[in-house]
Protein backbone atom coordinates (compact mmCIF):
# COMPACT_ATOMS: atom_id res chain seq x y z
CA UNK A 1 -6.40 -55.24 -49.50
CA UNK A 2 -9.63 -56.37 -47.87
CA UNK A 3 -10.10 -53.16 -45.84
CA UNK A 4 -10.30 -50.83 -48.90
CA UNK A 5 -12.69 -53.25 -50.61
CA UNK A 6 -14.91 -53.44 -47.53
CA UNK A 7 -14.91 -49.63 -47.26
CA UNK A 8 -15.81 -49.28 -50.94
CA UNK A 9 -18.66 -51.78 -50.62
CA UNK A 10 -19.90 -50.04 -47.45
CA UNK A 11 -19.88 -46.67 -49.19
CA UNK A 12 -21.80 -48.07 -52.14
CA UNK A 13 -24.48 -49.62 -49.92
CA UNK A 14 -24.89 -46.42 -47.92
CA UNK A 15 -25.72 -44.21 -50.89
CA UNK A 16 -28.74 -42.17 -49.92
CA UNK A 17 -27.64 -42.03 -46.33
CA UNK A 18 -26.40 -38.90 -44.68
CA UNK A 19 -23.10 -37.54 -45.94
CA UNK A 20 -21.00 -34.87 -44.24
CA UNK A 21 -21.83 -31.98 -46.57
CA UNK A 22 -22.10 -28.33 -45.71
CA UNK A 23 -23.53 -25.38 -47.56
CA UNK A 24 -21.76 -22.06 -47.79
CA UNK A 25 -23.24 -19.43 -45.51
CA UNK A 26 -22.87 -16.93 -48.37
CA UNK A 27 -25.38 -18.80 -50.54
CA UNK A 28 -29.06 -18.12 -50.08
CA UNK A 29 -31.15 -20.58 -52.02
CA UNK A 30 -34.71 -21.81 -51.98
CA UNK A 31 -37.08 -23.57 -54.31
CA UNK A 32 -40.09 -22.80 -56.45
CA UNK A 33 -41.60 -26.02 -57.78
CA UNK A 34 -44.71 -28.16 -58.15
CA UNK A 35 -46.31 -29.68 -55.08
CA UNK A 36 -48.60 -32.62 -54.49
CA UNK A 37 -51.40 -30.02 -54.80
CA UNK A 38 -53.11 -30.88 -51.51
CA UNK A 39 -54.59 -28.30 -49.15
CA UNK A 40 -51.45 -28.71 -46.97
CA UNK A 41 -49.32 -27.58 -49.92
CA UNK A 42 -51.07 -24.23 -50.17
CA UNK A 43 -51.20 -24.37 -53.98
CA UNK A 44 -50.00 -26.42 -56.91
CA UNK A 45 -46.67 -24.52 -56.83
CA UNK A 46 -44.55 -23.99 -53.72
CA UNK A 47 -42.68 -20.69 -53.56
CA UNK A 48 -40.30 -20.45 -50.61
CA UNK A 49 -40.31 -16.65 -50.88
CA UNK A 50 -43.95 -16.58 -49.77
CA UNK A 51 -43.18 -18.72 -46.73
CA UNK A 52 -40.06 -16.76 -45.80
CA UNK A 53 -42.14 -13.59 -45.78
CA UNK A 54 -44.04 -15.11 -42.83
CA UNK A 55 -41.22 -16.83 -40.93
CA UNK A 56 -38.27 -19.23 -41.15
CA UNK A 57 -38.58 -22.46 -43.11
CA UNK A 58 -37.32 -25.93 -42.18
CA UNK A 59 -36.46 -27.65 -45.47
CA UNK A 60 -36.35 -31.43 -45.35
CA UNK A 61 -34.80 -33.33 -48.25
CA UNK A 62 -36.46 -36.72 -48.08
CA UNK A 63 -36.86 -39.98 -49.98
CA UNK A 64 -40.13 -41.87 -49.87
CA UNK A 65 -38.56 -45.14 -48.71
CA UNK A 66 -35.94 -43.72 -46.34
CA UNK A 67 -36.29 -45.01 -42.74
CA UNK A 68 -34.28 -42.07 -41.38
CA UNK A 69 -36.66 -39.67 -43.12
CA UNK A 70 -39.60 -41.42 -41.50
CA UNK A 71 -37.89 -41.15 -38.10
CA UNK A 72 -37.36 -37.41 -38.61
CA UNK A 73 -41.03 -37.06 -39.51
CA UNK A 74 -42.01 -38.86 -36.30
CA UNK A 75 -40.06 -36.20 -34.38
CA UNK A 76 -41.31 -33.21 -36.39
CA UNK A 77 -45.03 -33.98 -36.60
CA UNK A 78 -45.78 -33.53 -32.86
CA UNK A 79 -44.19 -30.04 -32.80
CA UNK A 80 -45.46 -28.86 -36.22
CA UNK A 81 -48.79 -27.40 -35.00
CA UNK A 82 -47.08 -25.53 -32.18
CA UNK A 83 -44.56 -24.02 -34.59
CA UNK A 84 -47.30 -23.00 -37.01
CA UNK A 85 -49.40 -21.37 -34.27
CA UNK A 86 -46.68 -18.90 -33.25
CA UNK A 87 -46.87 -15.27 -34.40
CA UNK A 88 -43.79 -15.92 -36.56
CA UNK A 89 -44.31 -19.53 -37.62
CA UNK A 90 -41.59 -22.06 -38.32
CA UNK A 91 -42.83 -23.73 -41.47
CA UNK A 92 -41.69 -27.18 -42.50
CA UNK A 93 -41.56 -28.27 -46.12
CA UNK A 94 -40.28 -31.39 -47.84
CA UNK A 95 -38.40 -31.87 -51.10
CA UNK A 96 -38.23 -35.26 -52.81
CA UNK A 97 -34.49 -35.98 -52.92
CA UNK A 98 -34.13 -38.56 -55.66
CA UNK A 99 -36.08 -37.77 -58.81
CA UNK A 100 -37.32 -39.66 -60.76
CA UNK A 101 -37.79 -42.15 -57.90
CA UNK A 102 -39.42 -39.49 -55.74
CA UNK A 103 -42.05 -38.71 -58.35
CA UNK A 104 -45.54 -37.36 -57.71
CA UNK A 105 -47.05 -40.83 -57.29
CA UNK A 106 -44.50 -42.19 -54.79
CA UNK A 107 -44.46 -38.97 -52.74
CA UNK A 108 -48.26 -38.84 -52.69
CA UNK A 109 -48.50 -42.46 -51.57
CA UNK A 110 -45.92 -42.10 -48.77
CA UNK A 111 -46.28 -38.49 -47.59
CA UNK A 112 -49.46 -37.10 -49.15
CA UNK A 113 -52.00 -39.73 -48.13
CA UNK A 114 -53.61 -38.98 -44.77
CA UNK A 115 -53.87 -42.71 -44.04
CA UNK A 116 -50.11 -43.21 -44.45
CA UNK A 117 -48.00 -43.61 -41.30
CA UNK A 118 -45.66 -41.06 -42.87
CA UNK A 119 -48.26 -38.47 -43.85
CA UNK A 120 -46.72 -34.98 -44.06
CA UNK A 121 -48.95 -32.16 -42.74
CA UNK A 122 -46.76 -29.61 -44.55
CA UNK A 123 -45.98 -28.83 -48.21
CA UNK A 124 -44.37 -31.61 -50.22
CA UNK A 125 -42.45 -30.42 -53.27
CA UNK A 126 -42.02 -32.63 -56.33
CA UNK A 127 -38.80 -31.98 -58.24
CA UNK A 128 -37.06 -33.27 -61.32
CA UNK A 129 -33.35 -33.64 -61.91
CA UNK A 130 -33.47 -30.22 -63.60
CA UNK A 131 -35.48 -28.29 -61.00
CA UNK A 132 -33.46 -25.15 -60.37
CA UNK A 133 -32.91 -23.45 -57.05
CA UNK A 134 -34.16 -19.92 -56.56
CA UNK A 135 -31.41 -17.43 -55.74
CA UNK A 136 -32.91 -15.59 -52.76
CA UNK A 137 -30.18 -12.93 -52.68
CA UNK A 138 -30.79 -11.80 -56.27
CA UNK A 139 -34.44 -12.97 -56.50
CA UNK A 140 -33.95 -14.94 -59.70
CA UNK A 141 -33.51 -18.44 -61.04
CA UNK A 142 -30.04 -19.51 -59.93
CA UNK A 143 -29.24 -21.54 -63.03
CA UNK A 144 -28.19 -24.50 -60.85
CA UNK A 145 -30.35 -27.34 -59.61
CA UNK A 146 -31.82 -27.25 -56.13
CA UNK A 147 -29.68 -30.29 -55.39
CA UNK A 148 -26.45 -28.58 -56.47
CA UNK A 149 -27.44 -25.45 -54.53
CA UNK A 150 -27.67 -27.51 -51.33
CA UNK A 151 -24.50 -29.51 -52.11
CA UNK A 152 -26.36 -32.62 -53.29
CA UNK A 153 -27.90 -33.56 -49.96
CA UNK A 154 -28.46 -37.18 -49.12
CA UNK A 155 -31.70 -38.13 -47.46
CA UNK A 156 -32.60 -37.20 -44.88
CA UNK A 157 -31.06 -33.75 -44.72
CA UNK A 158 -32.68 -30.76 -43.04
CA UNK A 159 -31.85 -27.07 -43.33
CA UNK A 160 -33.34 -24.30 -41.19
CA UNK A 161 -33.51 -21.17 -43.34
CA UNK A 162 -33.98 -17.77 -41.72
CA UNK A 163 -36.31 -15.16 -43.19
CA UNK A 164 -33.30 -13.54 -44.86
CA UNK A 165 -32.66 -16.83 -46.70
CA UNK A 166 -29.58 -17.81 -44.75
CA UNK A 167 -29.08 -21.40 -43.62
CA UNK A 168 -28.77 -21.14 -39.83
CA UNK A 169 -28.83 -24.85 -38.96
CA UNK A 170 -28.49 -28.15 -40.75
CA UNK A 171 -28.88 -31.72 -39.61
CA UNK A 172 -25.83 -33.87 -39.20
CA UNK A 173 -27.34 -37.29 -38.57
CA UNK A 174 -29.35 -39.90 -40.44
CA UNK A 175 -31.76 -40.22 -37.52
CA UNK A 176 -32.78 -37.36 -35.25
CA UNK A 177 -30.66 -37.08 -32.15
CA UNK A 178 -32.14 -36.74 -28.69
CA UNK A 179 -31.59 -32.98 -28.77
CA UNK A 180 -32.31 -32.27 -32.46
CA UNK A 181 -35.73 -30.70 -31.92
CA UNK A 182 -34.52 -28.67 -28.94
CA UNK A 183 -31.58 -27.43 -31.06
CA UNK A 184 -34.00 -26.34 -33.80
CA UNK A 185 -36.25 -24.68 -31.21
CA UNK A 186 -33.34 -22.81 -29.64
CA UNK A 187 -32.19 -21.38 -32.97
CA UNK A 188 -35.79 -20.65 -33.97
CA UNK A 189 -36.31 -18.59 -30.77
CA UNK A 190 -33.20 -16.55 -31.56
CA UNK A 191 -34.38 -15.65 -35.08
C-alpha cells in the first residue's frame, strides 16, 4: 500500500518535470504569438514561418523558475552565435510553458533582462492558455493550443523543427546530457 502512495506523491511533486511524451511526425506545428518585444525577439510578434524560411528552429518550452531550463540555457548560449552565423542558421526560440505563471513580467525578469544569469539571446514568446498553434502544413490556425499541438510538454522540452516544419529531434531529459548539443549539431548538419 505504501509503494503506490509514494509513487503518487512523487508524481505530484514532479509536475513540470520532463515527461515521456512524443509528437506525431505527421503533425507540423509552430507558433505565432506575442514576444517580450526586445531587439532579440525581432518584433512584438513571433512568427515561426518567418524563421523557418531562413533555417531550422530549436523550440524550447521553458518555465521561468525551472532549474533544468536554466541548465539547458547554459548549454545553448555558448553555441547560439555559431549557429546564427551559418549560411542556414539554426535559430533558437523559447515558449513560456505554464501560463499564466510564465507571463510577460516573469519571462522578462528571468529571460529578457540582460543582467539576468538566465538571459535569453533569442526570441522569447509569451503565451496564454488559449494561444493556438499554427498548422504549418495547411498554413492556418490549427484550432488547438500550442501546448496540445506539442502534446502538453513539460518544462524543459526542446524540439528541433526542420524548414519543412517537421520535428526531427526532441529532448528526452530534464537536464542536457553530455551529448545533447552534439546530437542537435549532427541532425542540424544533415538538414
